């Protein structure tokens, strides 16, 4: 038994924590969008006397976009997944030019 090595280790995974059900600091953009939305709603309804229902719908769009980005493209996904997903949707998601573009260059 004396030839066995004993090493103190920490087998826990490294986690940056959770807040409001979101991993790491993902809650920050959501909270900032919420605060910005509340400010915009107050500006539209109080200062500009806009319709509260229309103002609420207008403010809900960016808040929903930020919340959707955080939950569906960042939560539980590997680093860079959101950028890769966006690149896939907008540009094809590959590193080379298409065959037609390569023929034009050659």
PDB file of N, CA and C in Angstrom:
ATOM      1  N   UNK A   1       0.798  -1.191   0.000  1.00  0.00           N
ATOM      2  CA  UNK A   1       0.000   0.000   0.000  1.00  0.00           C
ATOM      3  C   UNK A   1       0.844   1.259   0.000  1.00  0.00           C
ATOM      4  N   UNK A   2       2.068   1.189   0.403  1.00  0.00           N
ATOM      5  CA  UNK A   2       2.901   2.389   0.489  1.00  0.00           C
ATOM      6  C   UNK A   2       3.327   2.869  -0.901  1.00  0.00           C
ATOM      7  N   UNK A   3       3.250   2.027  -1.941  1.00  0.00           N
ATOM      8  CA  UNK A   3       3.659   2.463  -3.270  1.00  0.00           C
ATOM      9  C   UNK A   3       2.532   3.151  -4.040  1.00  0.00           C
ATOM     10  N   UNK A   4       1.350   3.308  -3.473  1.00  0.00           N
ATOM     11  CA  UNK A   4       0.261   4.044  -4.108  1.00  0.00           C
ATOM     12  C   UNK A   4       0.435   5.536  -3.870  1.00  0.00           C
ATOM     13  N   UNK A   5       0.237   6.306  -4.932  1.00  0.00           N
ATOM     14  CA  UNK A   5       0.330   7.759  -4.782  1.00  0.00           C
ATOM     15  C   UNK A   5      -1.048   8.321  -4.474  1.00  0.00           C
ATOM     16  N   UNK A   6      -1.075   9.272  -3.586  1.00  0.00           N
ATOM     17  CA  UNK A   6      -2.319   9.940  -3.226  1.00  0.00           C
ATOM     18  C   UNK A   6      -2.189  11.408  -3.627  1.00  0.00           C
ATOM     19  N   UNK A   7      -3.094  11.856  -4.473  1.00  0.00           N
ATOM     20  CA  UNK A   7      -3.059  13.233  -4.949  1.00  0.00           C
ATOM     21  C   UNK A   7      -4.411  13.874  -4.695  1.00  0.00           C
ATOM     22  N   UNK A   8      -4.395  15.039  -4.085  1.00  0.00           N
ATOM     23  CA  UNK A   8      -5.638  15.783  -3.875  1.00  0.00           C
ATOM     24  C   UNK A   8      -6.068  16.412  -5.194  1.00  0.00           C
ATOM     25  N   UNK A   9      -7.256  16.094  -5.637  1.00  0.00           N
ATOM     26  CA  UNK A   9      -7.774  16.662  -6.889  1.00  0.00           C
ATOM     27  C   UNK A   9      -9.174  17.199  -6.660  1.00  0.00           C
ATOM     28  N   UNK A  10      -9.593  18.010  -7.569  1.00  0.00           N
ATOM     29  CA  UNK A  10     -10.954  18.529  -7.572  1.00  0.00           C
ATOM     30  C   UNK A  10     -11.606  18.026  -8.845  1.00  0.00           C
ATOM     31  N   UNK A  11     -12.483  17.080  -8.730  1.00  0.00           N
ATOM     32  CA  UNK A  11     -13.089  16.458  -9.894  1.00  0.00           C
ATOM     33  C   UNK A  11     -14.327  17.212 -10.383  1.00  0.00           C
ATOM     34  N   UNK A  12     -14.681  18.290  -9.732  1.00  0.00           N
ATOM     35  CA  UNK A  12     -15.869  19.039 -10.148  1.00  0.00           C
ATOM     36  C   UNK A  12     -15.598  19.779 -11.447  1.00  0.00           C
ATOM     37  N   UNK A  13     -16.629  19.948 -12.232  1.00  0.00           N
ATOM     38  CA  UNK A  13     -16.448  20.704 -13.473  1.00  0.00           C
ATOM     39  C   UNK A  13     -16.383  22.191 -13.159  1.00  0.00           C
ATOM     40  N   UNK A  14     -15.671  22.914 -14.001  1.00  0.00           N
ATOM     41  CA  UNK A  14     -15.554  24.360 -13.817  1.00  0.00           C
ATOM     42  C   UNK A  14     -16.808  25.021 -14.359  1.00  0.00           C
ATOM     43  N   UNK A  15     -17.490  25.706 -13.514  1.00  0.00           N
ATOM     44  CA  UNK A  15     -18.731  26.362 -13.895  1.00  0.00           C
ATOM     45  C   UNK A  15     -18.657  27.822 -13.502  1.00  0.00           C
ATOM     46  N   UNK A  16     -19.191  28.661 -14.375  1.00  0.00           N
ATOM     47  CA  UNK A  16     -19.219  30.084 -14.057  1.00  0.00           C
ATOM     48  C   UNK A  16     -20.511  30.456 -13.341  1.00  0.00           C
ATOM     49  N   UNK A  17     -21.282  29.459 -12.911  1.00  0.00           N
ATOM     50  CA  UNK A  17     -22.471  29.697 -12.120  1.00  0.00           C
ATOM     51  C   UNK A  17     -23.727  29.862 -12.952  1.00  0.00           C
ATOM     52  N   UNK A  18     -24.822  30.090 -12.257  1.00  0.00           N
ATOM     53  CA  UNK A  18     -26.124  30.283 -12.903  1.00  0.00           C
ATOM     54  C   UNK A  18     -26.852  31.417 -12.198  1.00  0.00           C
ATOM     55  N   UNK A  19     -27.573  32.194 -12.985  1.00  0.00           N
ATOM     56  CA  UNK A  19     -28.420  33.253 -12.431  1.00  0.00           C
ATOM     57  C   UNK A  19     -29.673  33.330 -13.285  1.00  0.00           C
ATOM     58  N   UNK A  20     -30.827  33.315 -12.652  1.00  0.00           N
ATOM     59  CA  UNK A  20     -32.120  33.361 -13.336  1.00  0.00           C
ATOM     60  C   UNK A  20     -32.265  32.227 -14.344  1.00  0.00           C
ATOM     61  N   UNK A  21     -31.621  31.100 -14.086  1.00  0.00           N
ATOM     62  CA  UNK A  21     -31.714  29.950 -14.973  1.00  0.00           C
ATOM     63  C   UNK A  21     -30.783  30.016 -16.168  1.00  0.00           C
ATOM     64  N   UNK A  22     -29.969  31.047 -16.286  1.00  0.00           N
ATOM     65  CA  UNK A  22     -29.036  31.199 -17.409  1.00  0.00           C
ATOM     66  C   UNK A  22     -27.616  30.976 -16.916  1.00  0.00           C
ATOM     67  N   UNK A  23     -26.814  30.341 -17.742  1.00  0.00           N
ATOM     68  CA  UNK A  23     -25.437  30.029 -17.368  1.00  0.00           C
ATOM     69  C   UNK A  23     -24.564  31.275 -17.403  1.00  0.00           C
ATOM     70  N   UNK A  24     -23.594  31.314 -16.517  1.00  0.00           N
ATOM     71  CA  UNK A  24     -22.582  32.361 -16.537  1.00  0.00           C
ATOM     72  C   UNK A  24     -23.165  33.761 -16.484  1.00  0.00           C
ATOM     73  N   UNK A  25     -22.695  34.598 -17.386  1.00  0.00           N
ATOM     74  CA  UNK A  25     -23.144  35.984 -17.429  1.00  0.00           C
ATOM     75  C   UNK A  25     -24.204  36.221 -18.492  1.00  0.00           C
ATOM     76  N   UNK A  26     -24.908  35.178 -18.914  1.00  0.00           N
ATOM     77  CA  UNK A  26     -25.938  35.346 -19.929  1.00  0.00           C
ATOM     78  C   UNK A  26     -27.124  36.163 -19.440  1.00  0.00           C
ATOM     79  N   UNK A  27     -27.261  36.319 -18.140  1.00  0.00           N
ATOM     80  CA  UNK A  27     -28.370  37.106 -17.634  1.00  0.00           C
ATOM     81  C   UNK A  27     -28.146  38.601 -17.870  1.00  0.00           C
ATOM     82  N   UNK A  28     -26.887  39.030 -18.014  1.00  0.00           N
ATOM     83  CA  UNK A  28     -26.607  40.457 -18.164  1.00  0.00           C
ATOM     84  C   UNK A  28     -27.246  41.073 -19.413  1.00  0.00           C
ATOM     85  N   UNK A  29     -27.090  40.500 -20.620  1.00  0.00           N
ATOM     86  CA  UNK A  29     -27.762  41.107 -21.765  1.00  0.00           C
ATOM     87  C   UNK A  29     -29.281  41.110 -21.622  1.00  0.00           C
ATOM     88  N   UNK A  30     -29.835  40.083 -20.993  1.00  0.00           N
ATOM     89  CA  UNK A  30     -31.288  40.012 -20.815  1.00  0.00           C
ATOM     90  C   UNK A  30     -31.750  41.104 -19.852  1.00  0.00           C
ATOM     91  N   UNK A  31     -31.045  41.285 -18.750  1.00  0.00           N
ATOM     92  CA  UNK A  31     -31.418  42.320 -17.782  1.00  0.00           C
ATOM     93  C   UNK A  31     -31.234  43.710 -18.392  1.00  0.00           C
ATOM     94  N   UNK A  32     -30.147  43.921 -19.131  1.00  0.00           N
ATOM     95  CA  UNK A  32     -29.934  45.213 -19.773  1.00  0.00           C
ATOM     96  C   UNK A  32     -30.999  45.497 -20.831  1.00  0.00           C
ATOM     97  N   UNK A  33     -31.399  44.485 -21.587  1.00  0.00           N
ATOM     98  CA  UNK A  33     -32.477  44.673 -22.570  1.00  0.00           C
ATOM     99  C   UNK A  33     -33.794  44.977 -21.864  1.00  0.00           C
ATOM    100  N   UNK A  34     -34.025  44.343 -20.736  1.00  0.00           N
ATOM    101  CA  UNK A  34     -35.249  44.614 -19.962  1.00  0.00           C
ATOM    102  C   UNK A  34     -35.252  46.054 -19.450  1.00  0.00           C
ATOM    103  N   UNK A  35     -34.133  46.499 -18.899  1.00  0.00           N
ATOM    104  CA  UNK A  35     -34.058  47.874 -18.402  1.00  0.00           C
ATOM    105  C   UNK A  35     -34.177  48.881 -19.548  1.00  0.00           C
ATOM    106  N   UNK A  36     -33.522  48.605 -20.666  1.00  0.00           N
ATOM    107  CA  UNK A  36     -33.646  49.477 -21.826  1.00  0.00           C
ATOM    108  C   UNK A  36     -35.061  49.503 -22.359  1.00  0.00           C
ATOM    109  N   UNK A  37     -35.720  48.353 -22.358  1.00  0.00           N
ATOM    110  CA  UNK A  37     -37.108  48.275 -22.802  1.00  0.00           C
ATOM    111  C   UNK A  37     -38.041  49.062 -21.899  1.00  0.00           C
ATOM    112  N   UNK A  38     -37.814  48.976 -20.589  1.00  0.00           N
ATOM    113  CA  UNK A  38     -38.638  49.756 -19.665  1.00  0.00           C
ATOM    114  C   UNK A  38     -38.438  51.251 -19.877  1.00  0.00           C
ATOM    115  N   UNK A  39     -37.190  51.655 -20.097  1.00  0.00           N
ATOM    116  CA  UNK A  39     -36.911  53.064 -20.365  1.00  0.00           C
ATOM    117  C   UNK A  39     -37.547  53.532 -21.661  1.00  0.00           C
ATOM    118  N   UNK A  40     -37.459  52.719 -22.697  1.00  0.00           N
ATOM    119  CA  UNK A  40     -38.071  53.066 -23.977  1.00  0.00           C
ATOM    120  C   UNK A  40     -39.592  53.108 -23.863  1.00  0.00           C
ATOM    121  N   UNK A  41     -40.163  52.173 -23.123  1.00  0.00           N
ATOM    122  CA  UNK A  41     -41.610  52.169 -22.911  1.00  0.00           C
ATOM    123  C   UNK A  41     -42.053  53.439 -22.186  1.00  0.00           C
ATOM    124  N   UNK A  42     -41.303  53.824 -21.159  1.00  0.00           N
ATOM    125  CA  UNK A  42     -41.636  55.049 -20.428  1.00  0.00           C
ATOM    126  C   UNK A  42     -41.502  56.271 -21.329  1.00  0.00           C
ATOM    127  N   UNK A  43     -40.473  56.311 -22.135  1.00  0.00           N
ATOM    128  CA  UNK A  43     -40.283  57.430 -23.055  1.00  0.00           C
ATOM    129  C   UNK A  43     -41.427  57.516 -24.052  1.00  0.00           C
ATOM    130  N   UNK A  44     -41.806  56.377 -24.609  1.00  0.00           N
ATOM    131  CA  UNK A  44     -42.865  56.383 -25.617  1.00  0.00           C
ATOM    132  C   UNK A  44     -44.226  56.743 -25.023  1.00  0.00           C
ATOM    133  N   UNK A  45     -44.543  56.180 -23.871  1.00  0.00           N
ATOM    134  CA  UNK A  45     -45.881  56.390 -23.319  1.00  0.00           C
ATOM    135  C   UNK A  45     -46.016  57.699 -22.555  1.00  0.00           C
ATOM    136  N   UNK A  46     -45.011  58.063 -21.791  1.00  0.00           N
ATOM    137  CA  UNK A  46     -45.125  59.265 -20.955  1.00  0.00           C
ATOM    138  C   UNK A  46     -44.747  60.519 -21.736  1.00  0.00           C
ATOM    139  N   UNK A  47     -43.572  60.511 -22.350  1.00  0.00           N
ATOM    140  CA  UNK A  47     -43.091  61.720 -23.019  1.00  0.00           C
ATOM    141  C   UNK A  47     -43.756  61.941 -24.372  1.00  0.00           C
ATOM    142  N   UNK A  48     -43.950  60.874 -25.134  1.00  0.00           N
ATOM    143  CA  UNK A  48     -44.493  61.025 -26.486  1.00  0.00           C
ATOM    144  C   UNK A  48     -45.986  60.707 -26.567  1.00  0.00           C
ATOM    145  N   UNK A  49     -46.591  60.299 -25.477  1.00  0.00           N
ATOM    146  CA  UNK A  49     -48.034  59.992 -25.388  1.00  0.00           C
ATOM    147  C   UNK A  49     -48.478  58.986 -26.453  1.00  0.00           C
ATOM    148  N   UNK A  50     -47.654  57.958 -26.659  1.00  0.00           N
ATOM    149  CA  UNK A  50     -47.995  56.908 -27.623  1.00  0.00           C
ATOM    150  C   UNK A  50     -48.944  55.909 -26.973  1.00  0.00           C
ATOM    151  N   UNK A  51     -49.583  55.121 -27.791  1.00  0.00           N
ATOM    152  CA  UNK A  51     -50.490  54.084 -27.328  1.00  0.00           C
ATOM    153  C   UNK A  51     -49.693  53.055 -26.506  1.00  0.00           C
ATOM    154  N   UNK A  52     -50.096  52.767 -25.280  1.00  0.00           N
ATOM    155  CA  UNK A  52     -49.334  51.816 -24.452  1.00  0.00           C
ATOM    156  C   UNK A  52     -49.244  50.415 -25.061  1.00  0.00           C
ATOM    157  N   UNK A  53     -50.299  49.962 -25.728  1.00  0.00           N
ATOM    158  CA  UNK A  53     -50.259  48.638 -26.334  1.00  0.00           C
ATOM    159  C   UNK A  53     -49.242  48.596 -27.472  1.00  0.00           C
ATOM    160  N   UNK A  54     -49.242  49.603 -28.327  1.00  0.00           N
ATOM    161  CA  UNK A  54     -48.274  49.659 -29.431  1.00  0.00           C
ATOM    162  C   UNK A  54     -46.860  49.805 -28.889  1.00  0.00           C
ATOM    163  N   UNK A  55     -46.694  50.611 -27.848  1.00  0.00           N
ATOM    164  CA  UNK A  55     -45.373  50.779 -27.240  1.00  0.00           C
ATOM    165  C   UNK A  55     -44.883  49.465 -26.635  1.00  0.00           C
ATOM    166  N   UNK A  56     -45.783  48.737 -25.976  1.00  0.00           N
ATOM    167  CA  UNK A  56     -45.409  47.453 -25.383  1.00  0.00           C
ATOM    168  C   UNK A  56     -44.992  46.443 -26.437  1.00  0.00           C
ATOM    169  N   UNK A  57     -45.715  46.405 -27.546  1.00  0.00           N
ATOM    170  CA  UNK A  57     -45.344  45.490 -28.634  1.00  0.00           C
ATOM    171  C   UNK A  57     -44.014  45.876 -29.258  1.00  0.00           C
ATOM    172  N   UNK A  58     -43.777  47.174 -29.406  1.00  0.00           N
ATOM    173  CA  UNK A  58     -42.520  47.642 -29.980  1.00  0.00           C
ATOM    174  C   UNK A  58     -41.340  47.316 -29.067  1.00  0.00           C
ATOM    175  N   UNK A  59     -41.531  47.475 -27.779  1.00  0.00           N
ATOM    176  CA  UNK A  59     -40.470  47.203 -26.807  1.00  0.00           C
ATOM    177  C   UNK A  59     -40.236  45.699 -26.664  1.00  0.00           C
ATOM    178  N   UNK A  60     -41.273  44.894 -26.867  1.00  0.00           N
ATOM    179  CA  UNK A  60     -41.143  43.443 -26.707  1.00  0.00           C
ATOM    180  C   UNK A  60     -40.285  42.810 -27.801  1.00  0.00           C
ATOM    181  N   UNK A  61     -40.174  43.437 -28.954  1.00  0.00           N
ATOM    182  CA  UNK A  61     -39.393  42.850 -30.041  1.00  0.00           C
ATOM    183  C   UNK A  61     -37.905  42.708 -29.710  1.00  0.00           C
ATOM    184  N   UNK A  62     -37.195  43.784 -29.319  1.00  0.00           N
ATOM    185  CA  UNK A  62     -35.775  43.589 -28.983  1.00  0.00           C
ATOM    186  C   UNK A  62     -35.572  42.727 -27.741  1.00  0.00           C
ATOM    187  N   UNK A  63     -36.463  42.856 -26.769  1.00  0.00           N
ATOM    188  CA  UNK A  63     -36.338  42.025 -25.570  1.00  0.00           C
ATOM    189  C   UNK A  63     -36.497  40.555 -25.918  1.00  0.00           C
ATOM    190  N   UNK A  64     -37.461  40.234 -26.763  1.00  0.00           N
ATOM    191  CA  UNK A  64     -37.651  38.853 -27.199  1.00  0.00           C
ATOM    192  C   UNK A  64     -36.473  38.335 -28.009  1.00  0.00           C
ATOM    193  N   UNK A  65     -35.884  39.219 -28.832  1.00  0.00           N
ATOM    194  CA  UNK A  65     -34.725  38.810 -29.626  1.00  0.00           C
ATOM    195  C   UNK A  65     -33.530  38.489 -28.732  1.00  0.00           C
ATOM    196  N   UNK A  66     -33.279  39.320 -27.742  1.00  0.00           N
ATOM    197  CA  UNK A  66     -32.150  39.080 -26.825  1.00  0.00           C
ATOM    198  C   UNK A  66     -32.398  37.826 -25.993  1.00  0.00           C
ATOM    199  N   UNK A  67     -33.611  37.653 -25.510  1.00  0.00           N
ATOM    200  CA  UNK A  67     -33.932  36.465 -24.723  1.00  0.00           C
ATOM    201  C   UNK A  67     -33.838  35.203 -25.571  1.00  0.00           C
ATOM    202  N   UNK A  68     -34.316  35.267 -26.813  1.00  0.00           N
ATOM    203  CA  UNK A  68     -34.198  34.125 -27.718  1.00  0.00           C
ATOM    204  C   UNK A  68     -32.759  33.787 -28.032  1.00  0.00           C
ATOM    205  N   UNK A  69     -31.922  34.814 -28.252  1.00  0.00           N
ATOM    206  CA  UNK A  69     -30.499  34.591 -28.499  1.00  0.00           C
ATOM    207  C   UNK A  69     -29.846  33.901 -27.308  1.00  0.00           C
ATOM    208  N   UNK A  70     -30.155  34.381 -26.107  1.00  0.00           N
ATOM    209  CA  UNK A  70     -29.524  33.819 -24.914  1.00  0.00           C
ATOM    210  C   UNK A  70     -29.972  32.382 -24.669  1.00  0.00           C
ATOM    211  N   UNK A  71     -31.258  32.108 -24.839  1.00  0.00           N
ATOM    212  CA  UNK A  71     -31.789  30.780 -24.503  1.00  0.00           C
ATOM    213  C   UNK A  71     -31.508  29.763 -25.603  1.00  0.00           C
ATOM    214  N   UNK A  72     -31.705  30.138 -26.868  1.00  0.00           N
ATOM    215  CA  UNK A  72     -31.616  29.151 -27.944  1.00  0.00           C
ATOM    216  C   UNK A  72     -30.247  29.078 -28.614  1.00  0.00           C
ATOM    217  N   UNK A  73     -29.444  30.125 -28.536  1.00  0.00           N
ATOM    218  CA  UNK A  73     -28.157  30.104 -29.232  1.00  0.00           C
ATOM    219  C   UNK A  73     -26.957  30.114 -28.292  1.00  0.00           C
ATOM    220  N   UNK A  74     -27.141  30.371 -27.006  1.00  0.00           N
ATOM    221  CA  UNK A  74     -26.008  30.402 -26.092  1.00  0.00           C
ATOM    222  C   UNK A  74     -26.127  29.420 -24.935  1.00  0.00           C
ATOM    223  N   UNK A  75     -27.321  29.247 -24.399  1.00  0.00           N
ATOM    224  CA  UNK A  75     -27.535  28.395 -23.226  1.00  0.00           C
ATOM    225  C   UNK A  75     -27.236  26.943 -23.555  1.00  0.00           C
ATOM    226  N   UNK A  76     -26.220  26.370 -22.906  1.00  0.00           N
ATOM    227  CA  UNK A  76     -25.896  24.961 -23.075  1.00  0.00           C
ATOM    228  C   UNK A  76     -25.211  24.629 -24.391  1.00  0.00           C
ATOM    229  N   UNK A  77     -24.779  25.623 -25.136  1.00  0.00           N
ATOM    230  CA  UNK A  77     -24.119  25.400 -26.419  1.00  0.00           C
ATOM    231  C   UNK A  77     -22.628  25.676 -26.272  1.00  0.00           C
ATOM    232  N   UNK A  78     -21.811  25.118 -27.168  1.00  0.00           N
ATOM    233  CA  UNK A  78     -20.373  25.396 -27.092  1.00  0.00           C
ATOM    234  C   UNK A  78     -20.070  26.843 -27.461  1.00  0.00           C
ATOM    235  N   UNK A  79     -18.891  27.280 -27.074  1.00  0.00           N
ATOM    236  CA  UNK A  79     -18.482  28.654 -27.371  1.00  0.00           C
ATOM    237  C   UNK A  79     -18.468  28.884 -28.884  1.00  0.00           C
ATOM    238  N   UNK A  80     -19.002  29.999 -29.317  1.00  0.00           N
ATOM    239  CA  UNK A  80     -19.017  30.342 -30.732  1.00  0.00           C
ATOM    240  C   UNK A  80     -20.166  29.750 -31.514  1.00  0.00           C
ATOM    241  N   UNK A  81     -21.060  29.016 -30.863  1.00  0.00           N
ATOM    242  CA  UNK A  81     -22.170  28.383 -31.580  1.00  0.00           C
ATOM    243  C   UNK A  81     -23.074  29.423 -32.229  1.00  0.00           C
ATOM    244  N   UNK A  82     -23.349  30.519 -31.528  1.00  0.00           N
ATOM    245  CA  UNK A  82     -24.227  31.542 -32.080  1.00  0.00           C
ATOM    246  C   UNK A  82     -23.626  32.190 -33.321  1.00  0.00           C
ATOM    247  N   UNK A  83     -22.317  32.442 -33.313  1.00  0.00           N
ATOM    248  CA  UNK A  83     -21.664  33.013 -34.491  1.00  0.00           C
ATOM    249  C   UNK A  83     -21.646  32.025 -35.642  1.00  0.00           C
ATOM    250  N   UNK A  84     -21.388  30.763 -35.352  1.00  0.00           N
ATOM    251  CA  UNK A  84     -21.401  29.742 -36.403  1.00  0.00           C
ATOM    252  C   UNK A  84     -22.795  29.571 -36.987  1.00  0.00           C
ATOM    253  N   UNK A  85     -23.821  29.608 -36.146  1.00  0.00           N
ATOM    254  CA  UNK A  85     -25.196  29.471 -36.615  1.00  0.00           C
ATOM    255  C   UNK A  85     -25.570  30.631 -37.529  1.00  0.00           C
ATOM    256  N   UNK A  86     -25.191  31.841 -37.121  1.00  0.00           N
ATOM    257  CA  UNK A  86     -25.489  33.013 -37.934  1.00  0.00           C
ATOM    258  C   UNK A  86     -24.724  32.975 -39.249  1.00  0.00           C
ATOM    259  N   UNK A  87     -23.475  32.567 -39.211  1.00  0.00           N
ATOM    260  CA  UNK A  87     -22.687  32.452 -40.431  1.00  0.00           C
ATOM    261  C   UNK A  87     -23.271  31.393 -41.353  1.00  0.00           C
ATOM    262  N   UNK A  88     -23.753  30.303 -40.796  1.00  0.00           N
ATOM    263  CA  UNK A  88     -24.378  29.240 -41.589  1.00  0.00           C
ATOM    264  C   UNK A  88     -25.623  29.769 -42.299  1.00  0.00           C
ATOM    265  N   UNK A  89     -26.431  30.557 -41.592  1.00  0.00           N
ATOM    266  CA  UNK A  89     -27.676  31.076 -42.171  1.00  0.00           C
ATOM    267  C   UNK A  89     -27.424  32.163 -43.207  1.00  0.00           C
ATOM    268  N   UNK A  90     -26.408  32.993 -42.982  1.00  0.00           N
ATOM    269  CA  UNK A  90     -26.183  34.130 -43.877  1.00  0.00           C
ATOM    270  C   UNK A  90     -25.197  33.844 -45.004  1.00  0.00           C
ATOM    271  N   UNK A  91     -24.183  33.047 -44.728  1.00  0.00           N
ATOM    272  CA  UNK A  91     -23.138  32.890 -45.721  1.00  0.00           C
ATOM    273  C   UNK A  91     -22.822  31.470 -46.130  1.00  0.00           C
ATOM    274  N   UNK A  92     -23.565  30.516 -45.724  1.00  0.00           N
ATOM    275  CA  UNK A  92     -23.293  29.145 -46.114  1.00  0.00           C
ATOM    276  C   UNK A  92     -22.478  28.377 -45.099  1.00  0.00           C
ATOM    277  N   UNK A  93     -21.770  29.040 -44.214  1.00  0.00           N
ATOM    278  CA  UNK A  93     -21.074  28.380 -43.123  1.00  0.00           C
ATOM    279  C   UNK A  93     -19.848  27.586 -43.504  1.00  0.00           C
ATOM    280  N   UNK A  94     -19.211  27.922 -44.617  1.00  0.00           N
ATOM    281  CA  UNK A  94     -17.994  27.208 -44.981  1.00  0.00           C
ATOM    282  C   UNK A  94     -16.870  28.206 -45.170  1.00  0.00           C
ATOM    283  N   UNK A  95     -15.649  27.707 -45.205  1.00  0.00           N
ATOM    284  CA  UNK A  95     -14.490  28.584 -45.254  1.00  0.00           C
ATOM    285  C   UNK A  95     -13.994  28.819 -46.674  1.00  0.00           C
ATOM    286  N   UNK A  96     -14.518  28.106 -47.636  1.00  0.00           N
ATOM    287  CA  UNK A  96     -14.057  28.268 -49.010  1.00  0.00           C
ATOM    288  C   UNK A  96     -15.130  28.928 -49.848  1.00  0.00           C
ATOM    289  N   UNK A  97     -14.713  29.435 -50.987  1.00  0.00           N
ATOM    290  CA  UNK A  97     -15.681  30.016 -51.907  1.00  0.00           C
ATOM    291  C   UNK A  97     -16.458  28.905 -52.586  1.00  0.00           C
ATOM    292  N   UNK A  98     -17.595  29.265 -53.152  1.00  0.00           N
ATOM    293  CA  UNK A  98     -18.373  28.258 -53.866  1.00  0.00           C
ATOM    294  C   UNK A  98     -17.645  27.876 -55.145  1.00  0.00           C
ATOM    295  N   UNK A  99     -18.068  26.785 -55.774  1.00  0.00           N
ATOM    296  CA  UNK A  99     -17.417  26.307 -56.990  1.00  0.00           C
ATOM    297  C   UNK A  99     -17.434  27.344 -58.093  1.00  0.00           C
ATOM    298  N   UNK A 100     -18.541  28.091 -58.241  1.00  0.00           N
ATOM    299  CA  UNK A 100     -18.637  29.116 -59.279  1.00  0.00           C
ATOM    300  C   UNK A 100     -17.645  30.240 -59.018  1.00  0.00           C
ATOM    301  N   UNK A 101     -17.467  30.619 -57.773  1.00  0.00           N
ATOM    302  CA  UNK A 101     -16.524  31.682 -57.439  1.00  0.00           C
ATOM    303  C   UNK A 101     -15.093  31.218 -57.681  1.00  0.00           C
ATOM    304  N   UNK A 102     -14.798  29.949 -57.412  1.00  0.00           N
ATOM    305  CA  UNK A 102     -13.444  29.441 -57.624  1.00  0.00           C
ATOM    306  C   UNK A 102     -13.119  29.367 -59.105  1.00  0.00           C
ATOM    307  N   UNK A 103     -14.107  29.044 -59.955  1.00  0.00           N
ATOM    308  CA  UNK A 103     -13.875  28.990 -61.391  1.00  0.00           C
ATOM    309  C   UNK A 103     -13.619  30.376 -61.944  1.00  0.00           C
ATOM    310  N   UNK A 104     -14.287  31.414 -61.408  1.00  0.00           N
ATOM    311  CA  UNK A 104     -14.075  32.774 -61.860  1.00  0.00           C
ATOM    312  C   UNK A 104     -12.668  33.237 -61.551  1.00  0.00           C
ATOM    313  N   UNK A 105     -12.128  32.841 -60.411  1.00  0.00           N
ATOM    314  CA  UNK A 105     -10.800  33.265 -60.000  1.00  0.00           C
ATOM    315  C   UNK A 105      -9.738  32.556 -60.832  1.00  0.00           C
ATOM    316  N   UNK A 106      -9.953  31.282 -61.125  1.00  0.00           N
ATOM    317  CA  UNK A 106      -8.941  30.484 -61.840  1.00  0.00           C
ATOM    318  C   UNK A 106      -8.869  30.811 -63.282  1.00  0.00           C
TER     319      UNK A 106
END
